[in-house]
Amino acid sequence: MITDRMWARGTQAQHDALARHVPVYAYVFADRDAPMFLPLPGDFDFGAFHAGDIPYLFEDETAEPQFTPAQRRLSATMSEYWAAFARTGTPGAGGLPAREG
């Protein structure tokens, strides 16, 4: 979607500007099949929507039962990255997939 690319472009520019002065860590959440956890009417395909990553990082009794096995693994991996960041100040830790950039 064009608005997604426009949002990402501005966010990337902000990260690039900040990275000239401090370490910057970011990620792109792109699970187009993330379960919608908000009580919205209708059957609209939201794709990889804003805040769709929240149930993957924090327990959510509405979304988690809808997770596929792959989404459960993604949730565990994302939580490991966030925990590593809280522990060490960087999101990397042994056994996690390699980061880009």
PDB file of N, CA and C in Angstrom:
ATOM      1  N   MET A   1       0.834  -1.177   0.000  1.00  0.00           N
ATOM      2  CA  MET A   1       0.000   0.000   0.000  1.00  0.00           C
ATOM      3  C   MET A   1       0.882   1.244   0.000  1.00  0.00           C
ATOM      4  N   ILE A   2       0.547   2.233  -0.757  1.00  0.00           N
ATOM      5  CA  ILE A   2       1.373   3.432  -0.886  1.00  0.00           C
ATOM      6  C   ILE A   2       1.564   4.151   0.440  1.00  0.00           C
ATOM      7  N   THR A   3       0.534   4.223   1.271  1.00  0.00           N
ATOM      8  CA  THR A   3       0.681   4.920   2.551  1.00  0.00           C
ATOM      9  C   THR A   3       1.668   4.189   3.458  1.00  0.00           C
ATOM     10  N   ASP A   4       1.728   2.851   3.370  1.00  0.00           N
ATOM     11  CA  ASP A   4       2.703   2.094   4.158  1.00  0.00           C
ATOM     12  C   ASP A   4       4.116   2.488   3.770  1.00  0.00           C
ATOM     13  N   ARG A   5       4.350   2.586   2.463  1.00  0.00           N
ATOM     14  CA  ARG A   5       5.685   2.945   1.989  1.00  0.00           C
ATOM     15  C   ARG A   5       6.030   4.375   2.380  1.00  0.00           C
ATOM     16  N   MET A   6       5.055   5.265   2.328  1.00  0.00           N
ATOM     17  CA  MET A   6       5.312   6.652   2.721  1.00  0.00           C
ATOM     18  C   MET A   6       5.664   6.717   4.202  1.00  0.00           C
ATOM     19  N   TRP A   7       4.942   5.982   5.023  1.00  0.00           N
ATOM     20  CA  TRP A   7       5.224   5.950   6.464  1.00  0.00           C
ATOM     21  C   TRP A   7       6.611   5.361   6.710  1.00  0.00           C
ATOM     22  N   ALA A   8       6.923   4.275   6.056  1.00  0.00           N
ATOM     23  CA  ALA A   8       8.219   3.616   6.249  1.00  0.00           C
ATOM     24  C   ALA A   8       9.365   4.509   5.800  1.00  0.00           C
ATOM     25  N   ARG A   9       9.181   5.217   4.711  1.00  0.00           N
ATOM     26  CA  ARG A   9      10.242   6.094   4.199  1.00  0.00           C
ATOM     27  C   ARG A   9      10.566   7.193   5.215  1.00  0.00           C
ATOM     28  N   GLY A  10       9.554   7.822   5.775  1.00  0.00           N
ATOM     29  CA  GLY A  10       9.783   8.862   6.774  1.00  0.00           C
ATOM     30  C   GLY A  10      10.407   8.318   8.046  1.00  0.00           C
ATOM     31  N   THR A  11       9.943   7.166   8.459  1.00  0.00           N
ATOM     32  CA  THR A  11      10.503   6.525   9.653  1.00  0.00           C
ATOM     33  C   THR A  11      11.969   6.166   9.426  1.00  0.00           C
ATOM     34  N   GLN A  12      12.292   5.627   8.253  1.00  0.00           N
ATOM     35  CA  GLN A  12      13.679   5.279   7.950  1.00  0.00           C
ATOM     36  C   GLN A  12      14.558   6.532   7.934  1.00  0.00           C
ATOM     37  N   ALA A  13      14.063   7.621   7.377  1.00  0.00           N
ATOM     38  CA  ALA A  13      14.830   8.872   7.368  1.00  0.00           C
ATOM     39  C   ALA A  13      15.097   9.345   8.795  1.00  0.00           C
ATOM     40  N   GLN A  14      14.097   9.222   9.657  1.00  0.00           N
ATOM     41  CA  GLN A  14      14.273   9.600  11.061  1.00  0.00           C
ATOM     42  C   GLN A  14      15.328   8.713  11.718  1.00  0.00           C
ATOM     43  N   HIS A  15      15.267   7.415  11.475  1.00  0.00           N
ATOM     44  CA  HIS A  15      16.260   6.498  12.047  1.00  0.00           C
ATOM     45  C   HIS A  15      17.657   6.837  11.556  1.00  0.00           C
ATOM     46  N   ASP A  16      17.790   7.120  10.265  1.00  0.00           N
ATOM     47  CA  ASP A  16      19.099   7.464   9.701  1.00  0.00           C
ATOM     48  C   ASP A  16      19.662   8.726  10.349  1.00  0.00           C
ATOM     49  N   ALA A  17      18.812   9.726  10.546  1.00  0.00           N
ATOM     50  CA  ALA A  17      19.260  10.977  11.169  1.00  0.00           C
ATOM     51  C   ALA A  17      19.690  10.739  12.611  1.00  0.00           C
ATOM     52  N   LEU A  18      18.901   9.993  13.358  1.00  0.00           N
ATOM     53  CA  LEU A  18      19.240   9.712  14.755  1.00  0.00           C
ATOM     54  C   LEU A  18      20.491   8.848  14.881  1.00  0.00           C
ATOM     55  N   ALA A  19      20.657   7.909  13.939  1.00  0.00           N
ATOM     56  CA  ALA A  19      21.786   6.974  13.997  1.00  0.00           C
ATOM     57  C   ALA A  19      23.132   7.674  13.825  1.00  0.00           C
ATOM     58  N   ARG A  20      23.123   8.881  13.321  1.00  0.00           N
ATOM     59  CA  ARG A  20      24.386   9.640  13.227  1.00  0.00           C
ATOM     60  C   ARG A  20      24.864  10.067  14.613  1.00  0.00           C
ATOM     61  N   HIS A  21      23.987   9.976  15.618  1.00  0.00           N
ATOM     62  CA  HIS A  21      24.323  10.454  16.957  1.00  0.00           C
ATOM     63  C   HIS A  21      24.236   9.381  18.041  1.00  0.00           C
ATOM     64  N   VAL A  22      23.351   8.420  17.872  1.00  0.00           N
ATOM     65  CA  VAL A  22      23.148   7.382  18.886  1.00  0.00           C
ATOM     66  C   VAL A  22      22.824   6.060  18.193  1.00  0.00           C
ATOM     67  N   PRO A  23      23.013   4.922  18.873  1.00  0.00           N
ATOM     68  CA  PRO A  23      22.585   3.648  18.285  1.00  0.00           C
ATOM     69  C   PRO A  23      21.066   3.628  18.113  1.00  0.00           C
ATOM     70  N   VAL A  24      20.606   3.110  16.996  1.00  0.00           N
ATOM     71  CA  VAL A  24      19.177   3.037  16.704  1.00  0.00           C
ATOM     72  C   VAL A  24      18.838   1.606  16.303  1.00  0.00           C
ATOM     73  N   TYR A  25      17.776   1.078  16.871  1.00  0.00           N
ATOM     74  CA  TYR A  25      17.299  -0.260  16.538  1.00  0.00           C
ATOM     75  C   TYR A  25      15.838  -0.146  16.132  1.00  0.00           C
ATOM     76  N   ALA A  26      15.476  -0.841  15.080  1.00  0.00           N
ATOM     77  CA  ALA A  26      14.099  -0.806  14.594  1.00  0.00           C
ATOM     78  C   ALA A  26      13.786  -2.133  13.930  1.00  0.00           C
ATOM     79  N   TYR A  27      12.520  -2.389  13.722  1.00  0.00           N
ATOM     80  CA  TYR A  27      12.123  -3.581  12.991  1.00  0.00           C
ATOM     81  C   TYR A  27      10.883  -3.283  12.174  1.00  0.00           C
ATOM     82  N   VAL A  28      10.669  -4.089  11.176  1.00  0.00           N
ATOM     83  CA  VAL A  28       9.474  -3.981  10.345  1.00  0.00           C
ATOM     84  C   VAL A  28       8.621  -5.199  10.635  1.00  0.00           C
ATOM     85  N   PHE A  29       7.411  -4.974  11.089  1.00  0.00           N
ATOM     86  CA  PHE A  29       6.480  -6.071  11.338  1.00  0.00           C
ATOM     87  C   PHE A  29       5.645  -6.241  10.085  1.00  0.00           C
ATOM     88  N   ALA A  30       5.752  -7.389   9.430  1.00  0.00           N
ATOM     89  CA  ALA A  30       5.116  -7.567   8.124  1.00  0.00           C
ATOM     90  C   ALA A  30       4.232  -8.802   8.042  1.00  0.00           C
ATOM     91  N   ASP A  31       3.709  -9.273   9.171  1.00  0.00           N
ATOM     92  CA  ASP A  31       2.814 -10.429   9.143  1.00  0.00           C
ATOM     93  C   ASP A  31       1.436  -9.969   8.680  1.00  0.00           C
ATOM     94  N   ARG A  32       1.164 -10.150   7.401  1.00  0.00           N
ATOM     95  CA  ARG A  32      -0.119  -9.722   6.831  1.00  0.00           C
ATOM     96  C   ARG A  32      -1.282 -10.557   7.346  1.00  0.00           C
ATOM     97  N   ASP A  33      -0.987 -11.669   8.014  1.00  0.00           N
ATOM     98  CA  ASP A  33      -2.027 -12.538   8.558  1.00  0.00           C
ATOM     99  C   ASP A  33      -2.174 -12.401  10.072  1.00  0.00           C
ATOM    100  N   ALA A  34      -1.600 -11.358  10.641  1.00  0.00           N
ATOM    101  CA  ALA A  34      -1.719 -11.139  12.082  1.00  0.00           C
ATOM    102  C   ALA A  34      -3.196 -11.020  12.447  1.00  0.00           C
ATOM    103  N   PRO A  35      -3.631 -11.711  13.504  1.00  0.00           N
ATOM    104  CA  PRO A  35      -5.044 -11.621  13.877  1.00  0.00           C
ATOM    105  C   PRO A  35      -5.404 -10.219  14.363  1.00  0.00           C
ATOM    106  N   MET A  36      -6.543  -9.729  13.898  1.00  0.00           N
ATOM    107  CA  MET A  36      -7.030  -8.428  14.369  1.00  0.00           C
ATOM    108  C   MET A  36      -7.543  -8.615  15.792  1.00  0.00           C
ATOM    109  N   PHE A  37      -7.023  -7.832  16.703  1.00  0.00           N
ATOM    110  CA  PHE A  37      -7.383  -7.983  18.109  1.00  0.00           C
ATOM    111  C   PHE A  37      -8.318  -6.884  18.602  1.00  0.00           C
ATOM    112  N   LEU A  38      -8.619  -5.934  17.739  1.00  0.00           N
ATOM    113  CA  LEU A  38      -9.548  -4.875  18.122  1.00  0.00           C
ATOM    114  C   LEU A  38     -10.964  -5.263  17.711  1.00  0.00           C
ATOM    115  N   PRO A  39     -11.956  -4.860  18.457  1.00  0.00           N
ATOM    116  CA  PRO A  39     -13.343  -5.228  18.124  1.00  0.00           C
ATOM    117  C   PRO A  39     -13.907  -4.357  16.994  1.00  0.00           C
ATOM    118  N   LEU A  40     -13.395  -4.569  15.781  1.00  0.00           N
ATOM    119  CA  LEU A  40     -13.852  -3.795  14.633  1.00  0.00           C
ATOM    120  C   LEU A  40     -14.901  -4.580  13.864  1.00  0.00           C
ATOM    121  N   PRO A  41     -15.926  -3.886  13.370  1.00  0.00           N
ATOM    122  CA  PRO A  41     -16.976  -4.585  12.619  1.00  0.00           C
ATOM    123  C   PRO A  41     -16.501  -4.947  11.208  1.00  0.00           C
ATOM    124  N   GLY A  42     -17.144  -5.934  10.633  1.00  0.00           N
ATOM    125  CA  GLY A  42     -16.867  -6.287   9.244  1.00  0.00           C
ATOM    126  C   GLY A  42     -15.758  -7.302   9.095  1.00  0.00           C
ATOM    127  N   ASP A  43     -15.493  -7.617   7.841  1.00  0.00           N
ATOM    128  CA  ASP A  43     -14.496  -8.637   7.522  1.00  0.00           C
ATOM    129  C   ASP A  43     -13.458  -8.046   6.576  1.00  0.00           C
ATOM    130  N   PHE A  44     -12.843  -6.939   6.982  1.00  0.00           N
ATOM    131  CA  PHE A  44     -11.865  -6.238   6.162  1.00  0.00           C
ATOM    132  C   PHE A  44     -10.493  -6.857   6.348  1.00  0.00           C
ATOM    133  N   ASP A  45      -9.727  -7.010   5.273  1.00  0.00           N
ATOM    134  CA  ASP A  45      -8.354  -7.528   5.348  1.00  0.00           C
ATOM    135  C   ASP A  45      -7.421  -6.373   5.693  1.00  0.00           C
ATOM    136  N   PHE A  46      -6.995  -6.304   6.937  1.00  0.00           N
ATOM    137  CA  PHE A  46      -6.144  -5.205   7.390  1.00  0.00           C
ATOM    138  C   PHE A  46      -4.689  -5.394   7.010  1.00  0.00           C
ATOM    139  N   GLY A  47      -4.282  -6.586   6.609  1.00  0.00           N
ATOM    140  CA  GLY A  47      -2.882  -6.823   6.265  1.00  0.00           C
ATOM    141  C   GLY A  47      -2.000  -6.634   7.483  1.00  0.00           C
ATOM    142  N   ALA A  48      -0.773  -6.179   7.280  1.00  0.00           N
ATOM    143  CA  ALA A  48       0.169  -5.920   8.374  1.00  0.00           C
ATOM    144  C   ALA A  48      -0.147  -4.531   8.927  1.00  0.00           C
ATOM    145  N   PHE A  49      -1.091  -4.445   9.832  1.00  0.00           N
ATOM    146  CA  PHE A  49      -1.616  -3.173  10.304  1.00  0.00           C
ATOM    147  C   PHE A  49      -0.800  -2.580  11.448  1.00  0.00           C
ATOM    148  N   HIS A  50      -0.951  -1.274  11.625  1.00  0.00           N
ATOM    149  CA  HIS A  50      -0.279  -0.559  12.708  1.00  0.00           C
ATOM    150  C   HIS A  50      -0.671  -1.178  14.053  1.00  0.00           C
ATOM    151  N   ALA A  51       0.307  -1.479  14.875  1.00  0.00           N
ATOM    152  CA  ALA A  51       0.148  -2.077  16.202  1.00  0.00           C
ATOM    153  C   ALA A  51      -0.193  -3.562  16.131  1.00  0.00           C
ATOM    154  N   GLY A  52      -0.140  -4.160  14.950  1.00  0.00           N
ATOM    155  CA  GLY A  52      -0.401  -5.590  14.816  1.00  0.00           C
ATOM    156  C   GLY A  52       0.613  -6.447  15.558  1.00  0.00           C
ATOM    157  N   ASP A  53       1.764  -5.872  15.886  1.00  0.00           N
ATOM    158  CA  ASP A  53       2.792  -6.615  16.602  1.00  0.00           C
ATOM    159  C   ASP A  53       2.551  -6.689  18.109  1.00  0.00           C
ATOM    160  N   ILE A  54       1.660  -5.875  18.634  1.00  0.00           N
ATOM    161  CA  ILE A  54       1.457  -5.808  20.089  1.00  0.00           C
ATOM    162  C   ILE A  54       1.095  -7.165  20.706  1.00  0.00           C
ATOM    163  N   PRO A  55       0.156  -7.947  20.143  1.00  0.00           N
ATOM    164  CA  PRO A  55      -0.152  -9.241  20.750  1.00  0.00           C
ATOM    165  C   PRO A  55       1.017 -10.236  20.682  1.00  0.00           C
ATOM    166  N   TYR A  56       1.953 -10.001  19.778  1.00  0.00           N
ATOM    167  CA  TYR A  56       3.121 -10.873  19.669  1.00  0.00           C
ATOM    168  C   TYR A  56       4.115 -10.600  20.792  1.00  0.00           C
ATOM    169  N   LEU A  57       4.055  -9.405  21.348  1.00  0.00           N
ATOM    170  CA  LEU A  57       5.010  -9.004  22.383  1.00  0.00           C
ATOM    171  C   LEU A  57       4.435  -9.055  23.790  1.00  0.00           C
ATOM    172  N   PHE A  58       3.145  -8.857  23.899  1.00  0.00           N
ATOM    173  CA  PHE A  58       2.479  -8.834  25.198  1.00  0.00           C
ATOM    174  C   PHE A  58       1.301  -9.797  25.146  1.00  0.00           C
ATOM    175  N   GLU A  59       1.117 -10.554  26.193  1.00  0.00           N
ATOM    176  CA  GLU A  59       0.038 -11.547  26.195  1.00  0.00           C
ATOM    177  C   GLU A  59      -1.291 -10.897  25.864  1.00  0.00           C
ATOM    178  N   ASP A  60      -2.017 -11.518  24.954  1.00  0.00           N
ATOM    179  CA  ASP A  60      -3.309 -10.986  24.522  1.00  0.00           C
ATOM    180  C   ASP A  60      -4.277 -12.150  24.372  1.00  0.00           C
ATOM    181  N   GLU A  61      -5.236 -12.241  25.264  1.00  0.00           N
ATOM    182  CA  GLU A  61      -6.142 -13.394  25.296  1.00  0.00           C
ATOM    183  C   GLU A  61      -7.069 -13.464  24.087  1.00  0.00           C
ATOM    184  N   THR A  62      -7.225 -12.380  23.363  1.00  0.00           N
ATOM    185  CA  THR A  62      -8.067 -12.385  22.168  1.00  0.00           C
ATOM    186  C   THR A  62      -7.293 -12.862  20.948  1.00  0.00           C
ATOM    187  N   ALA A  63      -6.082 -12.376  20.783  1.00  0.00           N
ATOM    188  CA  ALA A  63      -5.297 -12.682  19.583  1.00  0.00           C
ATOM    189  C   ALA A  63      -4.550 -14.008  19.676  1.00  0.00           C
ATOM    190  N   GLU A  64      -3.934 -14.300  20.809  1.00  0.00           N
ATOM    191  CA  GLU A  64      -3.071 -15.483  20.910  1.00  0.00           C
ATOM    192  C   GLU A  64      -3.750 -16.802  20.524  1.00  0.00           C
ATOM    193  N   PRO A  65      -5.011 -17.036  20.887  1.00  0.00           N
ATOM    194  CA  PRO A  65      -5.637 -18.292  20.463  1.00  0.00           C
ATOM    195  C   PRO A  65      -5.755 -18.420  18.938  1.00  0.00           C
ATOM    196  N   GLN A  66      -5.662 -17.302  18.232  1.00  0.00           N
ATOM    197  CA  GLN A  66      -5.755 -17.324  16.782  1.00  0.00           C
ATOM    198  C   GLN A  66      -4.398 -17.526  16.100  1.00  0.00           C
ATOM    199  N   PHE A  67      -3.307 -17.481  16.853  1.00  0.00           N
ATOM    200  CA  PHE A  67      -1.964 -17.626  16.281  1.00  0.00           C
ATOM    201  C   PHE A  67      -1.782 -19.006  15.653  1.00  0.00           C
ATOM    202  N   THR A  68      -1.116 -19.019  14.516  1.00  0.00           N
ATOM    203  CA  THR A  68      -0.684 -20.277  13.905  1.00  0.00           C
ATOM    204  C   THR A  68       0.602 -20.707  14.616  1.00  0.00           C
ATOM    205  N   PRO A  69       1.068 -21.933  14.409  1.00  0.00           N
ATOM    206  CA  PRO A  69       2.353 -22.317  14.999  1.00  0.00           C
ATOM    207  C   PRO A  69       3.493 -21.373  14.587  1.00  0.00           C
ATOM    208  N   ALA A  70       3.502 -20.921  13.334  1.00  0.00           N
ATOM    209  CA  ALA A  70       4.552 -19.997  12.877  1.00  0.00           C
ATOM    210  C   ALA A  70       4.447 -18.658  13.611  1.00  0.00           C
ATOM    211  N   GLN A  71       3.235 -18.194  13.850  1.00  0.00           N
ATOM    212  CA  GLN A  71       3.054 -16.935  14.575  1.00  0.00           C
ATOM    213  C   GLN A  71       3.469 -17.074  16.032  1.00  0.00           C
ATOM    214  N   ARG A  72       3.263 -18.236  16.620  1.00  0.00           N
ATOM    215  CA  ARG A  72       3.727 -18.466  17.999  1.00  0.00           C
ATOM    216  C   ARG A  72       5.256 -18.418  18.057  1.00  0.00           C
ATOM    217  N   ARG A  73       5.912 -18.996  17.054  1.00  0.00           N
ATOM    218  CA  ARG A  73       7.385 -18.932  16.997  1.00  0.00           C
ATOM    219  C   ARG A  73       7.846 -17.496  16.793  1.00  0.00           C
ATOM    220  N   LEU A  74       7.160 -16.755  15.914  1.00  0.00           N
ATOM    221  CA  LEU A  74       7.502 -15.349  15.694  1.00  0.00           C
ATOM    222  C   LEU A  74       7.353 -14.570  16.996  1.00  0.00           C
ATOM    223  N   SER A  75       6.273 -14.796  17.723  1.00  0.00           N
ATOM    224  CA  SER A  75       6.044 -14.121  19.001  1.00  0.00           C
ATOM    225  C   SER A  75       7.182 -14.408  19.978  1.00  0.00           C
ATOM    226  N   ALA A  76       7.577 -15.671  20.073  1.00  0.00           N
ATOM    227  CA  ALA A  76       8.669 -16.046  20.989  1.00  0.00           C
ATOM    228  C   ALA A  76       9.971 -15.377  20.580  1.00  0.00           C
ATOM    229  N   THR A  77      10.250 -15.342  19.285  1.00  0.00           N
ATOM    230  CA  THR A  77      11.485 -14.724  18.806  1.00  0.00           C
ATOM    231  C   THR A  77      11.483 -13.220  19.054  1.00  0.00           C
ATOM    232  N   MET A  78      10.362 -12.571  18.766  1.00  0.00           N
ATOM    233  CA  MET A  78      10.272 -11.131  19.019  1.00  0.00           C
ATOM    234  C   MET A  78      10.464 -10.830  20.505  1.00  0.00           C
ATOM    235  N   SER A  79       9.854 -11.639  21.354  1.00  0.00           N
ATOM    236  CA  SER A  79       9.995 -11.432  22.804  1.00  0.00           C
ATOM    237  C   SER A  79      11.448 -11.605  23.235  1.00  0.00           C
ATOM    238  N   GLU A  80      12.149 -12.560  22.632  1.00  0.00           N
ATOM    239  CA  GLU A  80      13.570 -12.755  22.959  1.00  0.00           C
ATOM    240  C   GLU A  80      14.396 -11.539  22.564  1.00  0.00           C
ATOM    241  N   TYR A  81      14.132 -10.969  21.391  1.00  0.00           N
ATOM    242  CA  TYR A  81      14.843  -9.760  20.980  1.00  0.00           C
ATOM    243  C   TYR A  81      14.586  -8.618  21.958  1.00  0.00           C
ATOM    244  N   TRP A  82      13.319  -8.412  22.318  1.00  0.00           N
ATOM    245  CA  TRP A  82      12.983  -7.321  23.238  1.00  0.00           C
ATOM    246  C   TRP A  82      13.616  -7.554  24.611  1.00  0.00           C
ATOM    247  N   ALA A  83      13.601  -8.803  25.090  1.00  0.00           N
ATOM    248  CA  ALA A  83      14.207  -9.106  26.393  1.00  0.00           C
ATOM    249  C   ALA A  83      15.713  -8.876  26.351  1.00  0.00           C
ATOM    250  N   ALA A  84      16.353  -9.262  25.248  1.00  0.00           N
ATOM    251  CA  ALA A  84      17.788  -9.025  25.101  1.00  0.00           C
ATOM    252  C   ALA A  84      18.083  -7.524  25.123  1.00  0.00           C
ATOM    253  N   PHE A  85      17.240  -6.756  24.459  1.00  0.00           N
ATOM    254  CA  PHE A  85      17.422  -5.299  24.458  1.00  0.00           C
ATOM    255  C   PHE A  85      17.279  -4.738  25.872  1.00  0.00           C
ATOM    256  N   ALA A  86      16.292  -5.203  26.623  1.00  0.00           N
ATOM    257  CA  ALA A  86      16.101  -4.734  27.998  1.00  0.00           C
ATOM    258  C   ALA A  86      17.283  -5.106  28.883  1.00  0.00           C
ATOM    259  N   ARG A  87      17.831  -6.295  28.649  1.00  0.00           N
ATOM    260  CA  ARG A  87      18.951  -6.783  29.450  1.00  0.00           C
ATOM    261  C   ARG A  87      20.259  -6.083  29.124  1.00  0.00           C
ATOM    262  N   THR A  88      20.539  -5.885  27.829  1.00  0.00           N
ATOM    263  CA  THR A  88      21.876  -5.475  27.408  1.00  0.00           C
ATOM    264  C   THR A  88      21.957  -4.139  26.690  1.00  0.00           C
ATOM    265  N   GLY A  89      20.824  -3.607  26.231  1.00  0.00           N
ATOM    266  CA  GLY A  89      20.850  -2.373  25.461  1.00  0.00           C
ATOM    267  C   GLY A  89      20.996  -2.607  23.967  1.00  0.00           C
ATOM    268  N   THR A  90      21.121  -3.870  23.571  1.00  0.00           N
ATOM    269  CA  THR A  90      21.132  -4.232  22.149  1.00  0.00           C
ATOM    270  C   THR A  90      20.192  -5.418  21.968  1.00  0.00           C
ATOM    271  N   PRO A  91      19.534  -5.519  20.818  1.00  0.00           N
ATOM    272  CA  PRO A  91      18.545  -6.581  20.645  1.00  0.00           C
ATOM    273  C   PRO A  91      19.112  -7.946  20.292  1.00  0.00           C
ATOM    274  N   GLY A  92      20.408  -8.066  20.117  1.00  0.00           N
ATOM    275  CA  GLY A  92      20.985  -9.352  19.730  1.00  0.00           C
ATOM    276  C   GLY A  92      21.260 -10.246  20.922  1.00  0.00           C
ATOM    277  N   ALA A  93      21.173 -11.545  20.706  1.00  0.00           N
ATOM    278  CA  ALA A  93      21.506 -12.532  21.730  1.00  0.00           C
ATOM    279  C   ALA A  93      21.812 -13.835  21.029  1.00  0.00           C
ATOM    280  N   GLY A  94      22.597 -14.685  21.657  1.00  0.00           N
ATOM    281  CA  GLY A  94      22.945 -15.957  21.067  1.00  0.00           C
ATOM    282  C   GLY A  94      21.731 -16.770  20.685  1.00  0.00           C
ATOM    283  N   GLY A  95      21.756 -17.385  19.501  1.00  0.00           N
ATOM    284  CA  GLY A  95      20.677 -18.240  19.062  1.00  0.00           C
ATOM    285  C   GLY A  95      19.565 -17.525  18.306  1.00  0.00           C
ATOM    286  N   LEU A  96      19.582 -16.181  18.297  1.00  0.00           N
ATOM    287  CA  LEU A  96      18.544 -15.449  17.564  1.00  0.00           C
ATOM    288  C   LEU A  96      18.982 -15.269  16.113  1.00  0.00           C
ATOM    289  N   PRO A  97      18.017 -15.171  15.194  1.00  0.00           N
ATOM    290  CA  PRO A  97      18.364 -14.935  13.796  1.00  0.00           C
ATOM    291  C   PRO A  97      19.186 -13.646  13.654  1.00  0.00           C
ATOM    292  N   ALA A  98      20.068 -13.616  12.662  1.00  0.00           N
ATOM    293  CA  ALA A  98      20.923 -12.459  12.433  1.00  0.00           C
ATOM    294  C   ALA A  98      20.093 -11.242  12.077  1.00  0.00           C
ATOM    295  N   ARG A  99      20.543 -10.103  12.535  1.00  0.00           N
ATOM    296  CA  ARG A  99      19.871  -8.834  12.225  1.00  0.00           C
ATOM    297  C   ARG A  99      20.421  -8.268  10.924  1.00  0.00           C
ATOM    298  N   GLU A 100      19.593  -7.502  10.244  1.00  0.00           N
ATOM    299  CA  GLU A 100      20.045  -6.787   9.043  1.00  0.00           C
ATOM    300  C   GLU A 100      20.515  -5.397   9.445  1.00  0.00           C
ATOM    301  N   GLY A 101      21.397  -4.833   8.621  1.00  0.00           N
ATOM    302  CA  GLY A 101      21.808  -3.428   8.817  1.00  0.00           C
ATOM    303  C   GLY A 101      22.634  -3.280   9.979  1.00  0.00           C
TER     304      GLY A 101
END
